Every structure is written in structure tokens, then in C-alpha cells.
N, C-alpha and C. Protein backbone atom coordinates (compact mmCIF):
# COMPACT_ATOMS: atom_id res chain seq x y z
N GLN A 1 2.97 28.94 7.07
CA GLN A 1 2.70 27.80 6.31
C GLN A 1 2.42 26.67 7.32
N VAL A 2 1.51 25.78 7.12
CA VAL A 2 1.12 24.69 8.01
C VAL A 2 2.12 23.51 7.85
N GLN A 3 2.35 22.84 8.89
CA GLN A 3 3.27 21.60 8.80
C GLN A 3 2.40 20.37 9.27
N PRO A 4 1.84 19.58 8.34
CA PRO A 4 0.99 18.49 8.77
C PRO A 4 1.84 17.32 9.30
N VAL A 5 1.34 16.62 10.34
CA VAL A 5 1.83 15.45 10.79
C VAL A 5 0.78 14.47 11.05
N GLU A 6 0.82 13.32 10.25
CA GLU A 6 -0.18 12.24 10.25
C GLU A 6 -0.01 11.29 11.31
N SER A 7 -1.12 10.60 11.82
CA SER A 7 -0.98 9.54 12.70
C SER A 7 -2.30 8.70 12.54
N GLY A 8 -2.18 7.50 13.12
CA GLY A 8 -3.40 6.63 13.08
C GLY A 8 -3.42 5.41 12.08
N GLY A 9 -2.40 5.41 11.35
CA GLY A 9 -2.34 4.27 10.31
C GLY A 9 -2.20 2.96 11.03
N GLY A 10 -2.35 1.88 10.29
CA GLY A 10 -2.03 0.66 10.73
C GLY A 10 -2.63 -0.39 9.91
N LEU A 11 -2.64 -1.64 10.55
CA LEU A 11 -3.18 -2.89 9.88
C LEU A 11 -4.60 -3.14 10.37
N VAL A 12 -5.43 -3.36 9.43
CA VAL A 12 -6.82 -3.66 9.70
C VAL A 12 -7.44 -4.67 8.75
N GLN A 13 -8.42 -5.44 9.06
CA GLN A 13 -8.89 -6.34 8.23
C GLN A 13 -10.04 -5.67 7.39
N ALA A 14 -10.21 -6.33 6.23
CA ALA A 14 -11.24 -5.81 5.31
C ALA A 14 -12.65 -5.66 6.06
N GLY A 15 -13.25 -4.56 5.83
CA GLY A 15 -14.62 -4.30 6.54
C GLY A 15 -14.48 -3.56 7.84
N GLY A 16 -13.18 -3.37 8.25
CA GLY A 16 -12.86 -2.72 9.47
C GLY A 16 -12.80 -1.20 9.33
N SER A 17 -12.34 -0.43 10.35
CA SER A 17 -12.34 1.03 10.29
C SER A 17 -11.05 1.46 10.96
N LEU A 18 -10.71 2.61 10.49
CA LEU A 18 -9.57 3.42 11.05
C LEU A 18 -9.91 4.86 11.06
N ARG A 19 -9.31 5.65 12.02
CA ARG A 19 -9.39 7.03 11.90
C ARG A 19 -7.96 7.63 11.92
N LEU A 20 -7.68 8.35 10.85
CA LEU A 20 -6.48 8.98 10.67
C LEU A 20 -6.53 10.43 11.23
N SER A 21 -5.40 10.90 11.84
CA SER A 21 -5.37 12.26 12.34
C SER A 21 -4.33 13.05 11.70
N CYS A 22 -4.41 14.29 11.66
CA CYS A 22 -3.51 15.15 11.02
C CYS A 22 -3.36 16.39 11.97
N ALA A 23 -2.28 16.53 12.66
CA ALA A 23 -1.97 17.78 13.48
C ALA A 23 -1.19 18.68 12.56
N ALA A 24 -1.71 19.95 12.41
CA ALA A 24 -1.17 20.91 11.55
C ALA A 24 -0.74 22.14 12.25
N SER A 25 0.52 22.23 12.56
CA SER A 25 1.10 23.34 13.25
C SER A 25 1.14 24.57 12.34
N GLY A 26 1.12 25.70 12.89
CA GLY A 26 1.17 26.96 12.11
C GLY A 26 0.08 28.00 12.41
N ARG A 27 0.43 29.11 12.34
CA ARG A 27 -0.61 30.12 12.86
C ARG A 27 -1.68 30.37 11.87
N THR A 28 -1.56 30.00 10.68
CA THR A 28 -2.50 30.29 9.64
C THR A 28 -3.43 29.05 9.33
N PHE A 29 -3.55 28.19 10.16
CA PHE A 29 -4.29 26.91 9.79
C PHE A 29 -5.68 27.19 9.25
N ASN A 30 -6.33 28.09 9.99
CA ASN A 30 -7.76 28.39 9.58
C ASN A 30 -7.96 28.88 8.12
N SER A 31 -6.80 29.36 7.51
CA SER A 31 -6.81 29.93 6.20
C SER A 31 -6.48 28.85 5.08
N TYR A 32 -6.35 27.51 5.60
CA TYR A 32 -6.01 26.51 4.58
C TYR A 32 -7.06 25.55 4.42
N VAL A 33 -7.36 25.26 3.07
CA VAL A 33 -8.18 23.99 2.74
C VAL A 33 -7.23 22.87 3.02
N MET A 34 -7.84 21.82 3.61
CA MET A 34 -6.98 20.67 4.01
C MET A 34 -7.55 19.51 3.34
N GLY A 35 -6.61 18.54 2.97
CA GLY A 35 -7.06 17.37 2.20
C GLY A 35 -6.29 16.10 2.65
N TRP A 36 -6.79 14.98 2.20
CA TRP A 36 -6.06 13.71 2.34
C TRP A 36 -5.91 13.14 0.93
N PHE A 37 -4.71 12.62 0.79
CA PHE A 37 -4.26 11.87 -0.53
C PHE A 37 -3.72 10.55 -0.11
N ARG A 38 -3.54 9.75 -1.11
CA ARG A 38 -2.95 8.48 -0.75
C ARG A 38 -2.18 7.93 -2.02
N GLN A 39 -1.21 7.08 -1.71
CA GLN A 39 -0.33 6.52 -2.80
C GLN A 39 -0.14 5.09 -2.54
N ALA A 40 -0.61 4.31 -3.42
CA ALA A 40 -0.48 2.80 -3.25
C ALA A 40 0.81 2.39 -3.97
N PRO A 41 1.43 1.27 -3.60
CA PRO A 41 2.65 0.84 -4.27
C PRO A 41 2.46 0.79 -5.75
N GLY A 42 3.41 1.37 -6.46
CA GLY A 42 3.38 1.33 -7.84
C GLY A 42 2.40 2.24 -8.57
N LYS A 43 1.72 3.04 -7.81
CA LYS A 43 0.64 3.94 -8.45
C LYS A 43 0.97 5.38 -8.10
N GLU A 44 0.42 6.22 -8.81
CA GLU A 44 0.54 7.67 -8.51
C GLU A 44 -0.31 8.15 -7.30
N ARG A 45 0.13 9.19 -6.76
CA ARG A 45 -0.69 9.73 -5.55
C ARG A 45 -2.01 10.22 -6.09
N GLU A 46 -3.05 9.97 -5.26
CA GLU A 46 -4.39 10.32 -5.66
C GLU A 46 -5.14 11.02 -4.62
N PHE A 47 -6.06 11.78 -5.03
CA PHE A 47 -6.90 12.54 -4.11
C PHE A 47 -7.86 11.69 -3.39
N VAL A 48 -8.15 11.93 -2.05
CA VAL A 48 -9.02 11.16 -1.34
C VAL A 48 -10.26 12.06 -0.88
N ALA A 49 -9.88 13.06 -0.22
CA ALA A 49 -10.94 13.98 0.28
C ALA A 49 -10.33 15.39 0.67
N ARG A 50 -11.25 16.32 0.67
CA ARG A 50 -10.88 17.70 1.06
C ARG A 50 -11.85 18.35 1.84
N ILE A 51 -11.52 19.33 2.66
CA ILE A 51 -12.52 20.04 3.46
C ILE A 51 -12.18 21.53 3.43
N SER A 52 -13.25 22.38 3.38
CA SER A 52 -12.95 23.80 3.27
C SER A 52 -12.37 24.39 4.60
N ARG A 53 -12.15 25.58 4.62
CA ARG A 53 -11.50 26.22 5.66
C ARG A 53 -12.45 26.30 6.92
N SER A 54 -13.63 26.41 6.69
CA SER A 54 -14.55 26.45 7.80
C SER A 54 -15.07 25.06 8.23
N GLY A 55 -14.87 24.06 7.32
CA GLY A 55 -15.23 22.75 7.51
C GLY A 55 -16.76 22.46 6.99
N GLY A 56 -17.30 23.49 6.33
CA GLY A 56 -18.76 23.51 5.83
C GLY A 56 -18.85 22.71 4.55
N SER A 57 -17.95 22.56 3.90
CA SER A 57 -17.93 21.95 2.52
C SER A 57 -16.81 20.89 2.40
N THR A 58 -17.24 19.73 1.82
CA THR A 58 -16.32 18.56 1.74
C THR A 58 -16.45 18.03 0.29
N ALA A 59 -15.36 17.26 -0.16
CA ALA A 59 -15.43 16.68 -1.39
C ALA A 59 -14.70 15.27 -1.24
N TYR A 60 -15.16 14.32 -2.05
CA TYR A 60 -14.48 12.95 -1.96
C TYR A 60 -14.25 12.40 -3.31
N ALA A 61 -13.26 11.56 -3.30
CA ALA A 61 -13.03 10.71 -4.54
C ALA A 61 -14.28 9.72 -4.62
N ASP A 62 -14.55 9.37 -5.79
CA ASP A 62 -15.66 8.33 -5.92
C ASP A 62 -15.52 7.11 -5.26
N SER A 63 -14.21 6.67 -5.25
CA SER A 63 -13.95 5.42 -4.68
C SER A 63 -14.07 5.27 -3.16
N VAL A 64 -14.16 6.50 -2.52
CA VAL A 64 -14.29 6.47 -1.07
C VAL A 64 -15.54 7.08 -0.56
N ARG A 65 -16.39 7.72 -1.42
CA ARG A 65 -17.51 8.42 -1.06
C ARG A 65 -18.54 7.48 -0.36
N GLY A 66 -18.96 7.87 0.79
CA GLY A 66 -19.95 6.93 1.43
C GLY A 66 -19.23 6.12 2.46
N ARG A 67 -17.90 6.02 2.39
CA ARG A 67 -17.19 5.17 3.32
C ARG A 67 -16.33 5.95 4.24
N PHE A 68 -15.72 7.02 3.69
CA PHE A 68 -14.79 7.90 4.35
C PHE A 68 -15.43 9.18 4.69
N THR A 69 -15.05 9.79 5.89
CA THR A 69 -15.48 11.08 6.30
C THR A 69 -14.34 11.98 6.65
N ILE A 70 -14.25 13.13 6.03
CA ILE A 70 -13.22 14.16 6.52
C ILE A 70 -13.85 15.09 7.34
N SER A 71 -13.03 15.52 8.44
CA SER A 71 -13.54 16.51 9.28
C SER A 71 -12.25 17.37 9.86
N ARG A 72 -12.65 18.48 10.48
CA ARG A 72 -11.51 19.33 11.05
C ARG A 72 -12.06 19.99 12.34
N ASP A 73 -11.00 20.27 13.15
CA ASP A 73 -11.22 21.10 14.42
C ASP A 73 -10.26 22.26 14.31
N ASN A 74 -10.79 23.41 13.94
CA ASN A 74 -9.95 24.47 13.81
C ASN A 74 -9.34 24.97 15.14
N ALA A 75 -10.02 24.88 16.20
CA ALA A 75 -9.54 25.21 17.50
C ALA A 75 -8.32 24.38 17.86
N LYS A 76 -8.17 23.04 17.52
CA LYS A 76 -7.17 22.21 17.81
C LYS A 76 -6.15 22.01 16.68
N LYS A 77 -6.50 22.69 15.56
CA LYS A 77 -5.66 22.54 14.36
C LYS A 77 -5.50 21.14 13.96
N MET A 78 -6.57 20.41 13.95
CA MET A 78 -6.58 19.01 13.56
C MET A 78 -7.46 18.76 12.39
N VAL A 79 -7.12 17.77 11.60
CA VAL A 79 -7.93 17.30 10.54
C VAL A 79 -7.98 15.69 10.77
N TYR A 80 -9.24 15.20 10.31
CA TYR A 80 -9.52 13.74 10.64
C TYR A 80 -9.91 13.02 9.33
N LEU A 81 -9.67 11.75 9.11
CA LEU A 81 -10.26 11.00 8.05
C LEU A 81 -10.79 9.67 8.71
N GLN A 82 -12.05 9.61 8.87
CA GLN A 82 -12.70 8.42 9.41
C GLN A 82 -13.02 7.48 8.21
N MET A 83 -12.34 6.31 8.29
CA MET A 83 -12.42 5.27 7.20
C MET A 83 -13.17 4.11 7.69
N ASN A 84 -14.36 3.79 7.09
CA ASN A 84 -15.15 2.68 7.42
C ASN A 84 -15.18 1.76 6.18
N ASN A 85 -15.61 0.44 6.48
CA ASN A 85 -15.74 -0.48 5.50
C ASN A 85 -14.53 -0.55 4.53
N LEU A 86 -13.33 -0.73 5.18
CA LEU A 86 -12.17 -0.59 4.44
C LEU A 86 -11.98 -1.90 3.49
N ARG A 87 -11.36 -1.61 2.41
CA ARG A 87 -11.15 -2.66 1.32
C ARG A 87 -9.70 -2.81 1.14
N SER A 88 -9.28 -3.93 0.52
CA SER A 88 -7.82 -4.16 0.29
C SER A 88 -7.24 -3.10 -0.57
N GLU A 89 -8.06 -2.51 -1.50
CA GLU A 89 -7.67 -1.44 -2.45
C GLU A 89 -7.41 -0.17 -1.80
N ASP A 90 -7.80 -0.07 -0.44
CA ASP A 90 -7.58 1.17 0.20
C ASP A 90 -6.09 1.17 0.83
N THR A 91 -5.41 0.08 0.66
CA THR A 91 -4.02 -0.01 1.26
C THR A 91 -3.18 1.02 0.54
N ALA A 92 -2.51 1.87 1.31
CA ALA A 92 -1.73 2.92 0.68
C ALA A 92 -0.95 3.70 1.94
N VAL A 93 -0.11 4.52 1.53
CA VAL A 93 0.36 5.65 2.34
C VAL A 93 -0.53 6.86 2.21
N TYR A 94 -1.10 7.30 3.37
CA TYR A 94 -1.97 8.38 3.41
C TYR A 94 -1.36 9.73 3.84
N TYR A 95 -1.54 10.77 3.07
CA TYR A 95 -0.91 12.04 3.29
C TYR A 95 -1.88 13.11 3.60
N CYS A 96 -1.65 13.90 4.58
CA CYS A 96 -2.42 15.14 4.85
C CYS A 96 -1.66 16.30 4.19
N ALA A 97 -2.60 17.12 3.58
CA ALA A 97 -1.88 18.21 2.91
C ALA A 97 -2.74 19.50 3.10
N GLY A 98 -2.16 20.64 2.90
CA GLY A 98 -2.88 21.95 3.03
C GLY A 98 -2.61 22.72 1.80
N ARG A 99 -3.75 23.51 1.40
CA ARG A 99 -3.76 24.37 0.28
C ARG A 99 -4.08 25.82 0.87
N GLN A 100 -3.04 26.83 0.71
CA GLN A 100 -3.25 28.12 1.19
C GLN A 100 -4.37 28.76 0.40
N GLN A 101 -5.08 29.72 1.04
CA GLN A 101 -6.13 30.44 0.38
C GLN A 101 -5.55 31.15 -0.74
N GLY A 102 -6.26 30.88 -1.95
CA GLY A 102 -5.90 31.57 -3.19
C GLY A 102 -4.91 30.69 -4.03
N ALA A 103 -4.40 29.58 -3.46
CA ALA A 103 -3.33 28.92 -4.21
C ALA A 103 -4.03 27.84 -5.04
N ASP A 104 -3.45 27.39 -6.15
CA ASP A 104 -4.02 26.38 -6.96
C ASP A 104 -3.70 25.00 -6.48
N ASP A 105 -2.67 24.84 -5.84
CA ASP A 105 -2.24 23.41 -5.42
C ASP A 105 -2.03 23.28 -4.05
N PHE A 106 -2.04 22.04 -3.54
CA PHE A 106 -1.70 21.73 -2.10
C PHE A 106 -0.13 21.89 -2.09
N ASP A 107 0.35 22.70 -1.09
CA ASP A 107 1.67 23.00 -0.99
C ASP A 107 2.40 22.62 0.34
N SER A 108 1.52 22.13 1.26
CA SER A 108 2.13 21.72 2.55
C SER A 108 1.75 20.24 2.74
N TRP A 109 2.81 19.45 2.89
CA TRP A 109 2.56 17.94 3.00
C TRP A 109 3.13 17.48 4.16
N GLY A 110 2.48 16.33 4.79
CA GLY A 110 3.08 15.59 5.81
C GLY A 110 3.82 14.44 5.24
N GLN A 111 4.47 13.62 6.07
CA GLN A 111 5.25 12.50 5.69
C GLN A 111 4.52 11.32 5.46
N GLY A 112 3.31 11.21 5.79
CA GLY A 112 2.44 10.06 5.42
C GLY A 112 2.34 9.06 6.56
N THR A 113 1.25 8.21 6.55
CA THR A 113 1.14 7.21 7.49
C THR A 113 0.46 5.93 6.70
N GLN A 114 1.03 4.84 7.06
CA GLN A 114 0.78 3.59 6.18
C GLN A 114 -0.62 2.97 6.68
N VAL A 115 -1.46 2.65 5.77
CA VAL A 115 -2.71 2.00 6.02
C VAL A 115 -2.62 0.66 5.25
N THR A 116 -2.74 -0.46 5.95
CA THR A 116 -2.80 -1.79 5.24
C THR A 116 -4.03 -2.57 5.54
N VAL A 117 -4.81 -2.82 4.62
CA VAL A 117 -5.99 -3.54 4.77
C VAL A 117 -5.78 -5.08 4.32
N SER A 118 -5.96 -5.97 5.09
CA SER A 118 -5.86 -7.35 4.78
C SER A 118 -7.15 -8.02 4.38
N SER A 119 -7.13 -8.78 3.41
CA SER A 119 -8.41 -9.39 3.01
C SER A 119 -8.51 -10.79 3.65
């Protein structure tokens, strides 16, 4: 099982950029679909983006498509989320998660990293 650890969060002004990183330890990283989720205060956790095991396929929430880019480096066991043109509504705790091959749900979760966008 992979164990994600997020980093790269912080405070940024609206219109700015941040890149989140996720270091995923574990011998089977290449067999995991990886994703980013976020949870804003008082709201449920929501899907942000996911990337296939090879990195050849990605998917995004409508709210971030065109502004965020997910990528992965299987050799380094890393997942990234490049966030551009940030908005105040992007403020949330961002979580990196893994979904094992054949599984229905993401079952390996990091502790999260706070992203705060000031307007």
C-alpha cells in the first residue's frame, strides 16, 4: 500500500500559482491511480484531479480544468498538482490519495496540506 505525504501548500494571492507535491512510499506505486482531493471549511471533500498509472490519462473537476495540471513521476514515486490562476474558492486542505488497481475507491490517503488563496 502506498503512503502519500503532501507538501507545497501555503498562502498565495488570487491569480497566483502553487505546486503541490506528493511523495508516495511503497513498492507498488506504479500500480496505483493517484488523485488529488480537497476539503474546504464546512464542506465535504471533493475530487480535484486524477492520473492513470502510466500518467497517460488524466481527469479534472470542472472547477479546476484549464487551471490545474496533475502529473506523476513513477521513477521518483511522486505526484504533482500545478495550480495556476488560483481563486479564493480554491482555499482548502488538499489531499493526495491512491487507488489500487481494481479497487473502486481511493484507499490510501495523506494528511493533507493547506492552501489559502487571499483575494
